[in-house]
Amino acid sequence: MNLDELRAEIDRIDKDMMELFKKRMHVSFLIGQYKKEHQLPVLDLKRESELLEKRKQALHDDGLWPLYKEFIQEVMRLSKVNQQ
């Protein structure tokens, strides 16, 4: 593949990620509504810890894990902002 083809592939991936991000933010908003209705805190450290461990196991790539961990932690941070 040449550089233009690789960049086009990145563009396609970014578009897919954007659609998934929108879906995740919609669901996180609904979770936020549920938490407000049931007087639950937005922050759930146990859930976050469990999610990170599950994602680490599913990734199967110790070299990429530090980057993916940072990525998913940022997505979780944004989800919490969206819940409020």
PDB file of N, CA and C in Angstrom:
ATOM      1  N   MET A   1       0.838  -1.187   0.000  1.00  0.00           N
ATOM      2  CA  MET A   1       0.000   0.000   0.000  1.00  0.00           C
ATOM      3  C   MET A   1       0.882   1.248   0.000  1.00  0.00           C
ATOM      4  N   ASN A   2       0.413   2.266  -0.682  1.00  0.00           N
ATOM      5  CA  ASN A   2       1.158   3.520  -0.661  1.00  0.00           C
ATOM      6  C   ASN A   2       0.575   4.423   0.434  1.00  0.00           C
ATOM      7  N   LEU A   3       1.206   5.569   0.620  1.00  0.00           N
ATOM      8  CA  LEU A   3       0.818   6.472   1.702  1.00  0.00           C
ATOM      9  C   LEU A   3      -0.626   6.962   1.551  1.00  0.00           C
ATOM     10  N   ASP A   4      -1.029   7.284   0.340  1.00  0.00           N
ATOM     11  CA  ASP A   4      -2.399   7.751   0.127  1.00  0.00           C
ATOM     12  C   ASP A   4      -3.417   6.669   0.484  1.00  0.00           C
ATOM     13  N   GLU A   5      -3.130   5.427   0.135  1.00  0.00           N
ATOM     14  CA  GLU A   5      -4.022   4.320   0.460  1.00  0.00           C
ATOM     15  C   GLU A   5      -4.085   4.089   1.974  1.00  0.00           C
ATOM     16  N   LEU A   6      -2.941   4.195   2.614  1.00  0.00           N
ATOM     17  CA  LEU A   6      -2.912   4.036   4.072  1.00  0.00           C
ATOM     18  C   LEU A   6      -3.695   5.144   4.759  1.00  0.00           C
ATOM     19  N   ARG A   7      -3.540   6.355   4.279  1.00  0.00           N
ATOM     20  CA  ARG A   7      -4.292   7.477   4.854  1.00  0.00           C
ATOM     21  C   ARG A   7      -5.794   7.325   4.612  1.00  0.00           C
ATOM     22  N   ALA A   8      -6.158   6.817   3.462  1.00  0.00           N
ATOM     23  CA  ALA A   8      -7.573   6.565   3.178  1.00  0.00           C
ATOM     24  C   ALA A   8      -8.124   5.513   4.136  1.00  0.00           C
ATOM     25  N   GLU A   9      -7.323   4.521   4.436  1.00  0.00           N
ATOM     26  CA  GLU A   9      -7.742   3.500   5.398  1.00  0.00           C
ATOM     27  C   GLU A   9      -7.915   4.103   6.790  1.00  0.00           C
ATOM     28  N   ILE A  10      -7.001   4.980   7.189  1.00  0.00           N
ATOM     29  CA  ILE A  10      -7.135   5.683   8.476  1.00  0.00           C
ATOM     30  C   ILE A  10      -8.431   6.504   8.490  1.00  0.00           C
ATOM     31  N   ASP A  11      -8.733   7.163   7.383  1.00  0.00           N
ATOM     32  CA  ASP A  11      -9.970   7.942   7.304  1.00  0.00           C
ATOM     33  C   ASP A  11     -11.196   7.056   7.495  1.00  0.00           C
ATOM     34  N   ARG A  12     -11.187   5.868   6.882  1.00  0.00           N
ATOM     35  CA  ARG A  12     -12.312   4.940   7.042  1.00  0.00           C
ATOM     36  C   ARG A  12     -12.424   4.466   8.492  1.00  0.00           C
ATOM     37  N   ILE A  13     -11.305   4.161   9.093  1.00  0.00           N
ATOM     38  CA  ILE A  13     -11.299   3.721  10.490  1.00  0.00           C
ATOM     39  C   ILE A  13     -11.803   4.842  11.386  1.00  0.00           C
ATOM     40  N   ASP A  14     -11.330   6.071  11.154  1.00  0.00           N
ATOM     41  CA  ASP A  14     -11.778   7.212  11.960  1.00  0.00           C
ATOM     42  C   ASP A  14     -13.287   7.411  11.840  1.00  0.00           C
ATOM     43  N   LYS A  15     -13.831   7.216  10.649  1.00  0.00           N
ATOM     44  CA  LYS A  15     -15.272   7.356  10.460  1.00  0.00           C
ATOM     45  C   LYS A  15     -16.013   6.290  11.274  1.00  0.00           C
ATOM     46  N   ASP A  16     -15.514   5.057  11.227  1.00  0.00           N
ATOM     47  CA  ASP A  16     -16.134   3.979  12.005  1.00  0.00           C
ATOM     48  C   ASP A  16     -16.047   4.282  13.500  1.00  0.00           C
ATOM     49  N   MET A  17     -14.893   4.765  13.934  1.00  0.00           N
ATOM     50  CA  MET A  17     -14.714   5.089  15.350  1.00  0.00           C
ATOM     51  C   MET A  17     -15.646   6.222  15.774  1.00  0.00           C
ATOM     52  N   MET A  18     -15.858   7.187  14.886  1.00  0.00           N
ATOM     53  CA  MET A  18     -16.754   8.288  15.213  1.00  0.00           C
ATOM     54  C   MET A  18     -18.174   7.772  15.423  1.00  0.00           C
ATOM     55  N   GLU A  19     -18.624   6.877  14.582  1.00  0.00           N
ATOM     56  CA  GLU A  19     -19.970   6.317  14.731  1.00  0.00           C
ATOM     57  C   GLU A  19     -20.077   5.529  16.041  1.00  0.00           C
ATOM     58  N   LEU A  20     -19.066   4.759  16.363  1.00  0.00           N
ATOM     59  CA  LEU A  20     -19.065   4.017  17.622  1.00  0.00           C
ATOM     60  C   LEU A  20     -19.017   4.953  18.822  1.00  0.00           C
ATOM     61  N   PHE A  21     -18.255   6.028  18.701  1.00  0.00           N
ATOM     62  CA  PHE A  21     -18.181   7.022  19.777  1.00  0.00           C
ATOM     63  C   PHE A  21     -19.559   7.640  20.022  1.00  0.00           C
ATOM     64  N   LYS A  22     -20.245   7.994  18.946  1.00  0.00           N
ATOM     65  CA  LYS A  22     -21.577   8.572  19.085  1.00  0.00           C
ATOM     66  C   LYS A  22     -22.522   7.597  19.783  1.00  0.00           C
ATOM     67  N   LYS A  23     -22.446   6.329  19.416  1.00  0.00           N
ATOM     68  CA  LYS A  23     -23.279   5.314  20.059  1.00  0.00           C
ATOM     69  C   LYS A  23     -22.940   5.189  21.541  1.00  0.00           C
ATOM     70  N   ARG A  24     -21.648   5.182  21.850  1.00  0.00           N
ATOM     71  CA  ARG A  24     -21.230   5.056  23.250  1.00  0.00           C
ATOM     72  C   ARG A  24     -21.697   6.254  24.061  1.00  0.00           C
ATOM     73  N   MET A  25     -21.581   7.446  23.505  1.00  0.00           N
ATOM     74  CA  MET A  25     -22.004   8.633  24.229  1.00  0.00           C
ATOM     75  C   MET A  25     -23.526   8.638  24.439  1.00  0.00           C
ATOM     76  N   HIS A  26     -24.271   8.127  23.487  1.00  0.00           N
ATOM     77  CA  HIS A  26     -25.722   8.033  23.659  1.00  0.00           C
ATOM     78  C   HIS A  26     -26.051   7.096  24.826  1.00  0.00           C
ATOM     79  N   VAL A  27     -25.410   5.937  24.846  1.00  0.00           N
ATOM     80  CA  VAL A  27     -25.663   4.982  25.929  1.00  0.00           C
ATOM     81  C   VAL A  27     -25.182   5.546  27.260  1.00  0.00           C
ATOM     82  N   SER A  28     -24.037   6.225  27.276  1.00  0.00           N
ATOM     83  CA  SER A  28     -23.556   6.806  28.538  1.00  0.00           C
ATOM     84  C   SER A  28     -24.511   7.879  29.037  1.00  0.00           C
ATOM     85  N   PHE A  29     -25.124   8.628  28.120  1.00  0.00           N
ATOM     86  CA  PHE A  29     -26.123   9.613  28.515  1.00  0.00           C
ATOM     87  C   PHE A  29     -27.316   8.921  29.185  1.00  0.00           C
ATOM     88  N   LEU A  30     -27.763   7.820  28.597  1.00  0.00           N
ATOM     89  CA  LEU A  30     -28.880   7.065  29.178  1.00  0.00           C
ATOM     90  C   LEU A  30     -28.505   6.505  30.552  1.00  0.00           C
ATOM     91  N   ILE A  31     -27.272   6.053  30.686  1.00  0.00           N
ATOM     92  CA  ILE A  31     -26.793   5.578  31.986  1.00  0.00           C
ATOM     93  C   ILE A  31     -26.811   6.718  32.995  1.00  0.00           C
ATOM     94  N   GLY A  32     -26.384   7.893  32.554  1.00  0.00           N
ATOM     95  CA  GLY A  32     -26.405   9.064  33.425  1.00  0.00           C
ATOM     96  C   GLY A  32     -27.814   9.391  33.895  1.00  0.00           C
ATOM     97  N   GLN A  33     -28.772   9.294  32.995  1.00  0.00           N
ATOM     98  CA  GLN A  33     -30.169   9.535  33.383  1.00  0.00           C
ATOM     99  C   GLN A  33     -30.621   8.515  34.432  1.00  0.00           C
ATOM    100  N   TYR A  34     -30.280   7.257  34.193  1.00  0.00           N
ATOM    101  CA  TYR A  34     -30.649   6.202  35.140  1.00  0.00           C
ATOM    102  C   TYR A  34     -30.033   6.470  36.512  1.00  0.00           C
ATOM    103  N   LYS A  35     -28.758   6.823  36.514  1.00  0.00           N
ATOM    104  CA  LYS A  35     -28.067   7.088  37.776  1.00  0.00           C
ATOM    105  C   LYS A  35     -28.702   8.262  38.517  1.00  0.00           C
ATOM    106  N   LYS A  36     -29.079   9.307  37.794  1.00  0.00           N
ATOM    107  CA  LYS A  36     -29.740  10.452  38.436  1.00  0.00           C
ATOM    108  C   LYS A  36     -31.077  10.038  39.040  1.00  0.00           C
ATOM    109  N   GLU A  37     -31.848   9.278  38.283  1.00  0.00           N
ATOM    110  CA  GLU A  37     -33.162   8.842  38.758  1.00  0.00           C
ATOM    111  C   GLU A  37     -33.061   7.960  40.007  1.00  0.00           C
ATOM    112  N   HIS A  38     -31.962   7.213  40.108  1.00  0.00           N
ATOM    113  CA  HIS A  38     -31.792   6.282  41.219  1.00  0.00           C
ATOM    114  C   HIS A  38     -30.750   6.756  42.237  1.00  0.00           C
ATOM    115  N   GLN A  39     -30.408   8.049  42.170  1.00  0.00           N
ATOM    116  CA  GLN A  39     -29.452   8.659  43.087  1.00  0.00           C
ATOM    117  C   GLN A  39     -28.154   7.843  43.213  1.00  0.00           C
ATOM    118  N   LEU A  40     -27.620   7.429  42.077  1.00  0.00           N
ATOM    119  CA  LEU A  40     -26.361   6.694  42.041  1.00  0.00           C
ATOM    120  C   LEU A  40     -25.242   7.631  41.618  1.00  0.00           C
ATOM    121  N   PRO A  41     -24.036   7.421  42.119  1.00  0.00           N
ATOM    122  CA  PRO A  41     -22.923   8.279  41.721  1.00  0.00           C
ATOM    123  C   PRO A  41     -22.485   7.991  40.287  1.00  0.00           C
ATOM    124  N   VAL A  42     -21.991   9.013  39.627  1.00  0.00           N
ATOM    125  CA  VAL A  42     -21.459   8.836  38.278  1.00  0.00           C
ATOM    126  C   VAL A  42     -20.205   7.973  38.327  1.00  0.00           C
ATOM    127  N   LEU A  43     -19.352   8.213  39.285  1.00  0.00           N
ATOM    128  CA  LEU A  43     -18.087   7.488  39.393  1.00  0.00           C
ATOM    129  C   LEU A  43     -18.310   6.118  40.017  1.00  0.00           C
ATOM    130  N   ASP A  44     -17.848   5.078  39.327  1.00  0.00           N
ATOM    131  CA  ASP A  44     -17.923   3.702  39.811  1.00  0.00           C
ATOM    132  C   ASP A  44     -16.556   3.064  39.585  1.00  0.00           C
ATOM    133  N   LEU A  45     -15.665   3.245  40.550  1.00  0.00           N
ATOM    134  CA  LEU A  45     -14.285   2.769  40.399  1.00  0.00           C
ATOM    135  C   LEU A  45     -14.194   1.260  40.224  1.00  0.00           C
ATOM    136  N   LYS A  46     -15.072   0.516  40.897  1.00  0.00           N
ATOM    137  CA  LYS A  46     -15.057  -0.936  40.746  1.00  0.00           C
ATOM    138  C   LYS A  46     -15.371  -1.327  39.311  1.00  0.00           C
ATOM    139  N   ARG A  47     -16.381  -0.716  38.748  1.00  0.00           N
ATOM    140  CA  ARG A  47     -16.757  -0.988  37.358  1.00  0.00           C
ATOM    141  C   ARG A  47     -15.618  -0.626  36.405  1.00  0.00           C
ATOM    142  N   GLU A  48     -14.998   0.512  36.638  1.00  0.00           N
ATOM    143  CA  GLU A  48     -13.891   0.930  35.767  1.00  0.00           C
ATOM    144  C   GLU A  48     -12.733  -0.043  35.845  1.00  0.00           C
ATOM    145  N   SER A  49     -12.404  -0.481  37.040  1.00  0.00           N
ATOM    146  CA  SER A  49     -11.314  -1.438  37.223  1.00  0.00           C
ATOM    147  C   SER A  49     -11.623  -2.753  36.518  1.00  0.00           C
ATOM    148  N   GLU A  50     -12.849  -3.236  36.675  1.00  0.00           N
ATOM    149  CA  GLU A  50     -13.263  -4.471  36.016  1.00  0.00           C
ATOM    150  C   GLU A  50     -13.226  -4.328  34.505  1.00  0.00           C
ATOM    151  N   LEU A  51     -13.699  -3.190  34.000  1.00  0.00           N
ATOM    152  CA  LEU A  51     -13.705  -2.949  32.561  1.00  0.00           C
ATOM    153  C   LEU A  51     -12.277  -2.940  32.011  1.00  0.00           C
ATOM    154  N   LEU A  52     -11.373  -2.267  32.699  1.00  0.00           N
ATOM    155  CA  LEU A  52      -9.982  -2.220  32.235  1.00  0.00           C
ATOM    156  C   LEU A  52      -9.374  -3.615  32.196  1.00  0.00           C
ATOM    157  N   GLU A  53      -9.640  -4.422  33.202  1.00  0.00           N
ATOM    158  CA  GLU A  53      -9.085  -5.782  33.231  1.00  0.00           C
ATOM    159  C   GLU A  53      -9.655  -6.616  32.088  1.00  0.00           C
ATOM    160  N   LYS A  54     -10.952  -6.501  31.842  1.00  0.00           N
ATOM    161  CA  LYS A  54     -11.570  -7.232  30.726  1.00  0.00           C
ATOM    162  C   LYS A  54     -10.979  -6.800  29.386  1.00  0.00           C
ATOM    163  N   ARG A  55     -10.792  -5.498  29.228  1.00  0.00           N
ATOM    164  CA  ARG A  55     -10.234  -5.002  27.961  1.00  0.00           C
ATOM    165  C   ARG A  55      -8.792  -5.459  27.773  1.00  0.00           C
ATOM    166  N   LYS A  56      -8.032  -5.488  28.867  1.00  0.00           N
ATOM    167  CA  LYS A  56      -6.640  -5.952  28.780  1.00  0.00           C
ATOM    168  C   LYS A  56      -6.594  -7.404  28.342  1.00  0.00           C
ATOM    169  N   GLN A  57      -7.457  -8.220  28.920  1.00  0.00           N
ATOM    170  CA  GLN A  57      -7.497  -9.632  28.553  1.00  0.00           C
ATOM    171  C   GLN A  57      -7.943  -9.810  27.098  1.00  0.00           C
ATOM    172  N   ALA A  58      -8.888  -9.020  26.657  1.00  0.00           N
ATOM    173  CA  ALA A  58      -9.410  -9.141  25.296  1.00  0.00           C
ATOM    174  C   ALA A  58      -8.419  -8.641  24.248  1.00  0.00           C
ATOM    175  N   LEU A  59      -7.587  -7.687  24.610  1.00  0.00           N
ATOM    176  CA  LEU A  59      -6.646  -7.098  23.653  1.00  0.00           C
ATOM    177  C   LEU A  59      -5.572  -8.097  23.226  1.00  0.00           C
ATOM    178  N   HIS A  60      -5.094  -8.901  24.146  1.00  0.00           N
ATOM    179  CA  HIS A  60      -4.049  -9.902  23.843  1.00  0.00           C
ATOM    180  C   HIS A  60      -2.799  -9.280  23.224  1.00  0.00           C
ATOM    181  N   ASP A  61      -2.424  -8.091  23.673  1.00  0.00           N
ATOM    182  CA  ASP A  61      -1.237  -7.438  23.119  1.00  0.00           C
ATOM    183  C   ASP A  61      -0.627  -6.546  24.193  1.00  0.00           C
ATOM    184  N   ASP A  62       0.350  -7.078  24.904  1.00  0.00           N
ATOM    185  CA  ASP A  62       0.972  -6.327  25.992  1.00  0.00           C
ATOM    186  C   ASP A  62       1.675  -5.064  25.506  1.00  0.00           C
ATOM    187  N   GLY A  63       2.151  -5.086  24.265  1.00  0.00           N
ATOM    188  CA  GLY A  63       2.817  -3.907  23.721  1.00  0.00           C
ATOM    189  C   GLY A  63       1.856  -2.751  23.466  1.00  0.00           C
ATOM    190  N   LEU A  64       0.638  -3.075  23.038  1.00  0.00           N
ATOM    191  CA  LEU A  64      -0.366  -2.039  22.765  1.00  0.00           C
ATOM    192  C   LEU A  64      -1.160  -1.650  24.004  1.00  0.00           C
ATOM    193  N   TRP A  65      -1.120  -2.501  25.041  1.00  0.00           N
ATOM    194  CA  TRP A  65      -1.950  -2.241  26.210  1.00  0.00           C
ATOM    195  C   TRP A  65      -1.781  -0.854  26.809  1.00  0.00           C
ATOM    196  N   PRO A  66      -0.557  -0.337  27.021  1.00  0.00           N
ATOM    197  CA  PRO A  66      -0.449   1.001  27.608  1.00  0.00           C
ATOM    198  C   PRO A  66      -1.166   2.073  26.781  1.00  0.00           C
ATOM    199  N   LEU A  67      -1.094   1.969  25.470  1.00  0.00           N
ATOM    200  CA  LEU A  67      -1.769   2.945  24.606  1.00  0.00           C
ATOM    201  C   LEU A  67      -3.278   2.756  24.648  1.00  0.00           C
ATOM    202  N   TYR A  68      -3.718   1.504  24.576  1.00  0.00           N
ATOM    203  CA  TYR A  68      -5.158   1.256  24.607  1.00  0.00           C
ATOM    204  C   TYR A  68      -5.749   1.623  25.960  1.00  0.00           C
ATOM    205  N   LYS A  69      -5.005   1.351  27.024  1.00  0.00           N
ATOM    206  CA  LYS A  69      -5.482   1.718  28.361  1.00  0.00           C
ATOM    207  C   LYS A  69      -5.708   3.220  28.450  1.00  0.00           C
ATOM    208  N   GLU A  70      -4.760   3.987  27.943  1.00  0.00           N
ATOM    209  CA  GLU A  70      -4.901   5.448  27.946  1.00  0.00           C
ATOM    210  C   GLU A  70      -6.119   5.872  27.111  1.00  0.00           C
ATOM    211  N   PHE A  71      -6.284   5.230  25.967  1.00  0.00           N
ATOM    212  CA  PHE A  71      -7.415   5.528  25.086  1.00  0.00           C
ATOM    213  C   PHE A  71      -8.744   5.248  25.784  1.00  0.00           C
ATOM    214  N   ILE A  72      -8.888   4.065  26.363  1.00  0.00           N
ATOM    215  CA  ILE A  72     -10.166   3.697  26.971  1.00  0.00           C
ATOM    216  C   ILE A  72     -10.421   4.509  28.237  1.00  0.00           C
ATOM    217  N   GLN A  73      -9.376   4.878  28.962  1.00  0.00           N
ATOM    218  CA  GLN A  73      -9.563   5.733  30.135  1.00  0.00           C
ATOM    219  C   GLN A  73     -10.081   7.115  29.720  1.00  0.00           C
ATOM    220  N   GLU A  74      -9.607   7.615  28.604  1.00  0.00           N
ATOM    221  CA  GLU A  74     -10.105   8.908  28.110  1.00  0.00           C
ATOM    222  C   GLU A  74     -11.563   8.776  27.659  1.00  0.00           C
ATOM    223  N   VAL A  75     -11.899   7.686  27.010  1.00  0.00           N
ATOM    224  CA  VAL A  75     -13.283   7.458  26.608  1.00  0.00           C
ATOM    225  C   VAL A  75     -14.177   7.373  27.847  1.00  0.00           C
ATOM    226  N   MET A  76     -13.717   6.695  28.883  1.00  0.00           N
ATOM    227  CA  MET A  76     -14.499   6.614  30.128  1.00  0.00           C
ATOM    228  C   MET A  76     -14.639   7.992  30.765  1.00  0.00           C
ATOM    229  N   ARG A  77     -13.574   8.780  30.736  1.00  0.00           N
ATOM    230  CA  ARG A  77     -13.642  10.139  31.295  1.00  0.00           C
ATOM    231  C   ARG A  77     -14.701  10.965  30.561  1.00  0.00           C
ATOM    232  N   LEU A  78     -14.677  10.881  29.242  1.00  0.00           N
ATOM    233  CA  LEU A  78     -15.657  11.623  28.443  1.00  0.00           C
ATOM    234  C   LEU A  78     -17.065  11.099  28.678  1.00  0.00           C
ATOM    235  N   SER A  79     -17.202   9.805  28.881  1.00  0.00           N
ATOM    236  CA  SER A  79     -18.514   9.230  29.183  1.00  0.00           C
ATOM    237  C   SER A  79     -19.065   9.771  30.490  1.00  0.00           C
ATOM    238  N   LYS A  80     -18.183   9.933  31.499  1.00  0.00           N
ATOM    239  CA  LYS A  80     -18.618  10.478  32.781  1.00  0.00           C
ATOM    240  C   LYS A  80     -19.045  11.938  32.623  1.00  0.00           C
ATOM    241  N   VAL A  81     -18.320  12.690  31.827  1.00  0.00           N
ATOM    242  CA  VAL A  81     -18.706  14.079  31.558  1.00  0.00           C
ATOM    243  C   VAL A  81     -20.088  14.086  30.911  1.00  0.00           C
ATOM    244  N   ASN A  82     -20.289  13.202  29.970  1.00  0.00           N
ATOM    245  CA  ASN A  82     -21.562  13.113  29.254  1.00  0.00           C
ATOM    246  C   ASN A  82     -22.701  12.675  30.176  1.00  0.00           C
ATOM    247  N   GLN A  83     -22.404  11.880  31.185  1.00  0.00           N
ATOM    248  CA  GLN A  83     -23.419  11.425  32.137  1.00  0.00           C
ATOM    249  C   GLN A  83     -23.918  12.572  33.013  1.00  0.00           C
ATOM    250  N   GLN A  84     -23.086  13.554  33.230  1.00  0.00           N
ATOM    251  CA  GLN A  84     -23.464  14.660  34.092  1.00  0.00           C
ATOM    252  C   GLN A  84     -24.243  15.654  33.290  1.00  0.00           C
TER     253      GLN A  84
END
